[in-house]
Amino acid sequence: MTTLNLTRPVFDFGLVRALRTLGRNIGRILGSIAAGQRAANDFQRMNARTDARLAEDGIRRADVARGVFERHFG
């Protein structure tokens, strides 16, 4: 006859903790991908402007990439 051990939890909490960590990390990865996509879209929008339009905003074409990076990640 098998005895029932009621002191041990039904779930292995190491597995539960690992799954929570995995879920958190997947969320972070997806968040990073979304942030990178927003920055890429911003860069494309700014880079498509004419030099005259950039100058109206006080931006040099050479500074577009740095400005986008600082705005999104700095």
Protein backbone atom coordinates (compact mmCIF):
# COMPACT_ATOMS: atom_id res chain seq x y z
CA MET A 1 0.00 0.00 0.00
CA THR A 2 1.26 3.50 -0.88
CA THR A 3 1.18 6.25 1.68
CA LEU A 4 0.05 9.74 0.81
CA ASN A 5 2.59 12.37 1.75
CA LEU A 6 0.61 15.53 2.55
CA THR A 7 3.61 17.54 3.68
CA ARG A 8 5.05 17.83 0.18
CA PRO A 9 3.29 20.36 -2.08
CA VAL A 10 1.50 19.08 -5.14
CA PHE A 11 3.45 21.47 -7.38
CA ASP A 12 7.18 21.54 -7.54
CA PHE A 13 7.76 25.19 -6.63
CA GLY A 14 11.10 25.16 -8.42
CA LEU A 15 9.22 24.52 -11.64
CA VAL A 16 6.66 27.24 -10.86
CA ARG A 17 9.46 29.71 -10.13
CA ALA A 18 11.24 28.74 -13.36
CA LEU A 19 8.06 29.23 -15.39
CA ARG A 20 7.45 32.64 -13.82
CA THR A 21 11.02 33.67 -14.60
CA LEU A 22 10.64 32.42 -18.17
CA GLY A 23 7.41 34.38 -18.58
CA ARG A 24 9.03 37.55 -17.20
CA ASN A 25 12.01 37.16 -19.52
CA ILE A 26 9.80 36.59 -22.56
CA GLY A 27 7.90 39.76 -21.61
CA ARG A 28 11.15 41.69 -21.39
CA ILE A 29 12.30 40.39 -24.76
CA LEU A 30 9.01 41.36 -26.39
CA GLY A 31 9.20 44.78 -24.75
CA SER A 32 12.72 45.27 -26.09
CA ILE A 33 11.65 44.26 -29.58
CA ALA A 34 8.76 46.74 -29.44
CA ALA A 35 11.07 49.53 -28.22
CA GLY A 36 13.52 48.80 -31.04
CA GLN A 37 10.70 48.85 -33.57
CA ARG A 38 9.46 52.21 -32.28
CA ALA A 39 13.00 53.62 -32.55
CA ALA A 40 13.38 52.23 -36.08
CA ASN A 41 10.07 53.78 -37.12
CA ASP A 42 11.09 57.10 -35.61
CA PHE A 43 14.42 56.96 -37.45
CA GLN A 44 12.69 56.16 -40.77
CA ARG A 45 10.29 59.07 -40.27
CA MET A 46 13.08 61.52 -39.41
CA ASN A 47 15.41 60.26 -42.15
CA ALA A 48 12.68 60.72 -44.76
CA ARG A 49 12.53 64.46 -44.05
CA THR A 50 14.32 66.83 -46.34
CA ASP A 51 17.43 68.63 -45.13
CA ALA A 52 15.42 71.87 -45.15
CA ARG A 53 12.71 70.35 -42.92
CA LEU A 54 15.33 69.00 -40.52
CA ALA A 55 17.01 72.41 -40.43
CA GLU A 56 13.68 74.02 -39.48
CA ASP A 57 13.71 71.80 -36.38
CA GLY A 58 17.38 72.58 -35.73
CA ILE A 59 18.56 69.06 -36.63
CA ARG A 60 21.42 68.13 -38.91
CA ARG A 61 21.03 64.94 -40.93
CA ALA A 62 24.23 63.61 -39.35
CA ASP A 63 22.57 63.90 -35.92
CA VAL A 64 19.34 62.04 -36.72
CA ALA A 65 20.55 58.58 -35.63
CA ARG A 66 22.11 59.88 -32.40
CA GLY A 67 19.00 61.91 -31.59
CA VAL A 68 16.68 58.97 -32.13
CA PHE A 69 18.89 56.70 -30.04
CA GLU A 70 19.06 59.19 -27.17
CA ARG A 71 15.31 59.82 -27.29
CA HIS A 72 14.47 56.12 -27.08
CA PHE A 73 17.33 54.59 -25.09
CA GLY A 74 19.21 57.38 -23.39
